PDB file of N, CA and C in Angstrom:
ATOM      1  N   MET A   1     -45.191  43.261 -23.280  1.00  0.00           N
ATOM      2  CA  MET A   1     -44.886  41.861 -23.412  1.00  0.00           C
ATOM      3  C   MET A   1     -45.207  41.166 -22.087  1.00  0.00           C
ATOM      4  N   ILE A   2     -45.721  39.953 -22.165  1.00  0.00           N
ATOM      5  CA  ILE A   2     -46.043  39.181 -20.970  1.00  0.00           C
ATOM      6  C   ILE A   2     -44.776  38.500 -20.460  1.00  0.00           C
ATOM      7  N   ASP A   3     -44.511  38.643 -19.174  1.00  0.00           N
ATOM      8  CA  ASP A   3     -43.342  38.018 -18.555  1.00  0.00           C
ATOM      9  C   ASP A   3     -43.714  36.603 -18.129  1.00  0.00           C
ATOM     10  N   LYS A   4     -43.109  35.615 -18.763  1.00  0.00           N
ATOM     11  CA  LYS A   4     -43.399  34.217 -18.440  1.00  0.00           C
ATOM     12  C   LYS A   4     -42.221  33.541 -17.748  1.00  0.00           C
ATOM     13  N   SER A   5     -41.338  34.324 -17.158  1.00  0.00           N
ATOM     14  CA  SER A   5     -40.201  33.731 -16.468  1.00  0.00           C
ATOM     15  C   SER A   5     -40.646  33.170 -15.121  1.00  0.00           C
ATOM     16  N   VAL A   6     -39.938  32.154 -14.668  1.00  0.00           N
ATOM     17  CA  VAL A   6     -40.237  31.511 -13.387  1.00  0.00           C
ATOM     18  C   VAL A   6     -38.975  31.490 -12.537  1.00  0.00           C
ATOM     19  N   SER A   7     -39.164  31.346 -11.238  1.00  0.00           N
ATOM     20  CA  SER A   7     -38.029  31.396 -10.319  1.00  0.00           C
ATOM     21  C   SER A   7     -37.338  30.053 -10.139  1.00  0.00           C
ATOM     22  N   THR A   8     -38.106  28.970 -10.214  1.00  0.00           N
ATOM     23  CA  THR A   8     -37.527  27.655  -9.946  1.00  0.00           C
ATOM     24  C   THR A   8     -37.900  26.664 -11.041  1.00  0.00           C
ATOM     25  N   LEU A   9     -37.139  25.611 -11.115  1.00  0.00           N
ATOM     26  CA  LEU A   9     -37.429  24.535 -12.059  1.00  0.00           C
ATOM     27  C   LEU A   9     -38.774  23.896 -11.730  1.00  0.00           C
ATOM     28  N   ARG A  10     -39.070  23.747 -10.459  1.00  0.00           N
ATOM     29  CA  ARG A  10     -40.347  23.167 -10.029  1.00  0.00           C
ATOM     30  C   ARG A  10     -41.525  24.001 -10.541  1.00  0.00           C
ATOM     31  N   ASP A  11     -41.391  25.326 -10.495  1.00  0.00           N
ATOM     32  CA  ASP A  11     -42.434  26.206 -11.031  1.00  0.00           C
ATOM     33  C   ASP A  11     -42.578  26.025 -12.545  1.00  0.00           C
ATOM     34  N   ALA A  12     -41.456  25.820 -13.215  1.00  0.00           N
ATOM     35  CA  ALA A  12     -41.463  25.687 -14.671  1.00  0.00           C
ATOM     36  C   ALA A  12     -42.189  24.426 -15.126  1.00  0.00           C
ATOM     37  N   ILE A  13     -42.120  23.366 -14.347  1.00  0.00           N
ATOM     38  CA  ILE A  13     -42.735  22.104 -14.765  1.00  0.00           C
ATOM     39  C   ILE A  13     -44.066  21.833 -14.078  1.00  0.00           C
ATOM     40  N   ALA A  14     -44.548  22.763 -13.293  1.00  0.00           N
ATOM     41  CA  ALA A  14     -45.782  22.556 -12.527  1.00  0.00           C
ATOM     42  C   ALA A  14     -46.979  22.215 -13.407  1.00  0.00           C
ATOM     43  N   GLY A  15     -47.052  22.751 -14.605  1.00  0.00           N
ATOM     44  CA  GLY A  15     -48.195  22.506 -15.480  1.00  0.00           C
ATOM     45  C   GLY A  15     -48.048  21.290 -16.374  1.00  0.00           C
ATOM     46  N   ILE A  16     -46.943  20.564 -16.245  1.00  0.00           N
ATOM     47  CA  ILE A  16     -46.711  19.374 -17.065  1.00  0.00           C
ATOM     48  C   ILE A  16     -47.122  18.154 -16.245  1.00  0.00           C
ATOM     49  N   HIS A  17     -48.148  17.463 -16.711  1.00  0.00           N
ATOM     50  CA  HIS A  17     -48.705  16.353 -15.952  1.00  0.00           C
ATOM     51  C   HIS A  17     -48.279  15.004 -16.519  1.00  0.00           C
ATOM     52  N   ASP A  18     -48.422  13.959 -15.719  1.00  0.00           N
ATOM     53  CA  ASP A  18     -48.091  12.599 -16.114  1.00  0.00           C
ATOM     54  C   ASP A  18     -48.840  12.247 -17.396  1.00  0.00           C
ATOM     55  N   GLY A  19     -48.136  11.695 -18.357  1.00  0.00           N
ATOM     56  CA  GLY A  19     -48.732  11.321 -19.628  1.00  0.00           C
ATOM     57  C   GLY A  19     -48.549  12.367 -20.715  1.00  0.00           C
ATOM     58  N   ALA A  20     -48.024  13.534 -20.354  1.00  0.00           N
ATOM     59  CA  ALA A  20     -47.804  14.592 -21.341  1.00  0.00           C
ATOM     60  C   ALA A  20     -46.675  14.187 -22.287  1.00  0.00           C
ATOM     61  N   THR A  21     -46.751  14.654 -23.517  1.00  0.00           N
ATOM     62  CA  THR A  21     -45.699  14.422 -24.498  1.00  0.00           C
ATOM     63  C   THR A  21     -44.789  15.643 -24.521  1.00  0.00           C
ATOM     64  N   ILE A  22     -43.496  15.403 -24.349  1.00  0.00           N
ATOM     65  CA  ILE A  22     -42.507  16.478 -24.316  1.00  0.00           C
ATOM     66  C   ILE A  22     -41.555  16.285 -25.494  1.00  0.00           C
ATOM     67  N   MET A  23     -41.356  17.317 -26.281  1.00  0.00           N
ATOM     68  CA  MET A  23     -40.388  17.259 -27.379  1.00  0.00           C
ATOM     69  C   MET A  23     -39.129  17.994 -26.936  1.00  0.00           C
ATOM     70  N   ILE A  24     -38.001  17.306 -27.020  1.00  0.00           N
ATOM     71  CA  ILE A  24     -36.733  17.884 -26.586  1.00  0.00           C
ATOM     72  C   ILE A  24     -35.753  17.819 -27.743  1.00  0.00           C
ATOM     73  N   GLY A  25     -35.246  18.968 -28.135  1.00  0.00           N
ATOM     74  CA  GLY A  25     -34.251  19.019 -29.190  1.00  0.00           C
ATOM     75  C   GLY A  25     -32.852  18.969 -28.601  1.00  0.00           C
ATOM     76  N   GLY A  26     -31.882  18.870 -29.461  1.00  0.00           N
ATOM     77  CA  GLY A  26     -30.503  18.848 -28.993  1.00  0.00           C
ATOM     78  C   GLY A  26     -29.701  17.827 -29.765  1.00  0.00           C
ATOM     79  N   PHE A  27     -28.418  17.913 -29.653  1.00  0.00           N
ATOM     80  CA  PHE A  27     -27.536  16.994 -30.354  1.00  0.00           C
ATOM     81  C   PHE A  27     -26.722  16.233 -29.323  1.00  0.00           C
ATOM     82  N   GLY A  28     -27.109  14.999 -29.068  1.00  0.00           N
ATOM     83  CA  GLY A  28     -26.393  14.179 -28.105  1.00  0.00           C
ATOM     84  C   GLY A  28     -26.511  14.721 -26.694  1.00  0.00           C
ATOM     85  N   PRO A  29     -25.719  14.193 -25.793  1.00  0.00           N
ATOM     86  CA  PRO A  29     -25.791  14.603 -24.391  1.00  0.00           C
ATOM     87  C   PRO A  29     -25.496  16.088 -24.166  1.00  0.00           C
ATOM     88  N   ALA A  30     -24.715  16.691 -25.032  1.00  0.00           N
ATOM     89  CA  ALA A  30     -24.366  18.101 -24.841  1.00  0.00           C
ATOM     90  C   ALA A  30     -25.571  19.015 -24.998  1.00  0.00           C
ATOM     91  N   GLY A  31     -26.562  18.601 -25.773  1.00  0.00           N
ATOM     92  CA  GLY A  31     -27.719  19.445 -26.005  1.00  0.00           C
ATOM     93  C   GLY A  31     -28.946  19.062 -25.210  1.00  0.00           C
ATOM     94  N   GLN A  32     -28.835  18.045 -24.351  1.00  0.00           N
ATOM     95  CA  GLN A  32     -29.993  17.584 -23.593  1.00  0.00           C
ATOM     96  C   GLN A  32     -30.176  18.396 -22.316  1.00  0.00           C
ATOM     97  N   PRO A  33     -31.409  18.794 -22.024  1.00  0.00           N
ATOM     98  CA  PRO A  33     -31.682  19.528 -20.781  1.00  0.00           C
ATOM     99  C   PRO A  33     -31.822  18.547 -19.605  1.00  0.00           C
ATOM    100  N   THR A  34     -30.696  18.100 -19.072  1.00  0.00           N
ATOM    101  CA  THR A  34     -30.717  17.041 -18.061  1.00  0.00           C
ATOM    102  C   THR A  34     -31.468  17.433 -16.795  1.00  0.00           C
ATOM    103  N   TYR A  35     -31.367  18.691 -16.372  1.00  0.00           N
ATOM    104  CA  TYR A  35     -32.093  19.111 -15.168  1.00  0.00           C
ATOM    105  C   TYR A  35     -33.598  19.017 -15.393  1.00  0.00           C
ATOM    106  N   LEU A  36     -34.053  19.395 -16.586  1.00  0.00           N
ATOM    107  CA  LEU A  36     -35.472  19.299 -16.917  1.00  0.00           C
ATOM    108  C   LEU A  36     -35.927  17.849 -16.905  1.00  0.00           C
ATOM    109  N   ILE A  37     -35.185  16.975 -17.548  1.00  0.00           N
ATOM    110  CA  ILE A  37     -35.547  15.557 -17.608  1.00  0.00           C
ATOM    111  C   ILE A  37     -35.581  14.958 -16.210  1.00  0.00           C
ATOM    112  N   ASP A  38     -34.572  15.228 -15.402  1.00  0.00           N
ATOM    113  CA  ASP A  38     -34.535  14.700 -14.032  1.00  0.00           C
ATOM    114  C   ASP A  38     -35.713  15.204 -13.207  1.00  0.00           C
ATOM    115  N   ALA A  39     -36.057  16.477 -13.349  1.00  0.00           N
ATOM    116  CA  ALA A  39     -37.175  17.048 -12.592  1.00  0.00           C
ATOM    117  C   ALA A  39     -38.498  16.426 -13.012  1.00  0.00           C
ATOM    118  N   LEU A  40     -38.674  16.169 -14.301  1.00  0.00           N
ATOM    119  CA  LEU A  40     -39.905  15.537 -14.778  1.00  0.00           C
ATOM    120  C   LEU A  40     -40.026  14.107 -14.265  1.00  0.00           C
ATOM    121  N   ILE A  41     -38.921  13.382 -14.244  1.00  0.00           N
ATOM    122  CA  ILE A  41     -38.931  12.014 -13.714  1.00  0.00           C
ATOM    123  C   ILE A  41     -39.268  12.035 -12.230  1.00  0.00           C
ATOM    124  N   GLU A  42     -38.663  12.953 -11.493  1.00  0.00           N
ATOM    125  CA  GLU A  42     -38.915  13.066 -10.054  1.00  0.00           C
ATOM    126  C   GLU A  42     -40.374  13.434  -9.770  1.00  0.00           C
ATOM    127  N   GLN A  43     -40.931  14.303 -10.613  1.00  0.00           N
ATOM    128  CA  GLN A  43     -42.320  14.737 -10.427  1.00  0.00           C
ATOM    129  C   GLN A  43     -43.306  13.590 -10.662  1.00  0.00           C
ATOM    130  N   GLY A  44     -42.957  12.691 -11.569  1.00  0.00           N
ATOM    131  CA  GLY A  44     -43.824  11.536 -11.848  1.00  0.00           C
ATOM    132  C   GLY A  44     -44.789  11.728 -12.935  1.00  0.00           C
TER     133      GLY A  44
END
């Protein structure tokens, strides 16, 4: 099996560029990946 784990959030979002479409599932604020969203906003 290929290991696709990453060490940091920055590494995880490195391949996501401005203008990309991201689908996020979840039910209300409890299911939202807030760290991911914040990191994407910070990245630009």
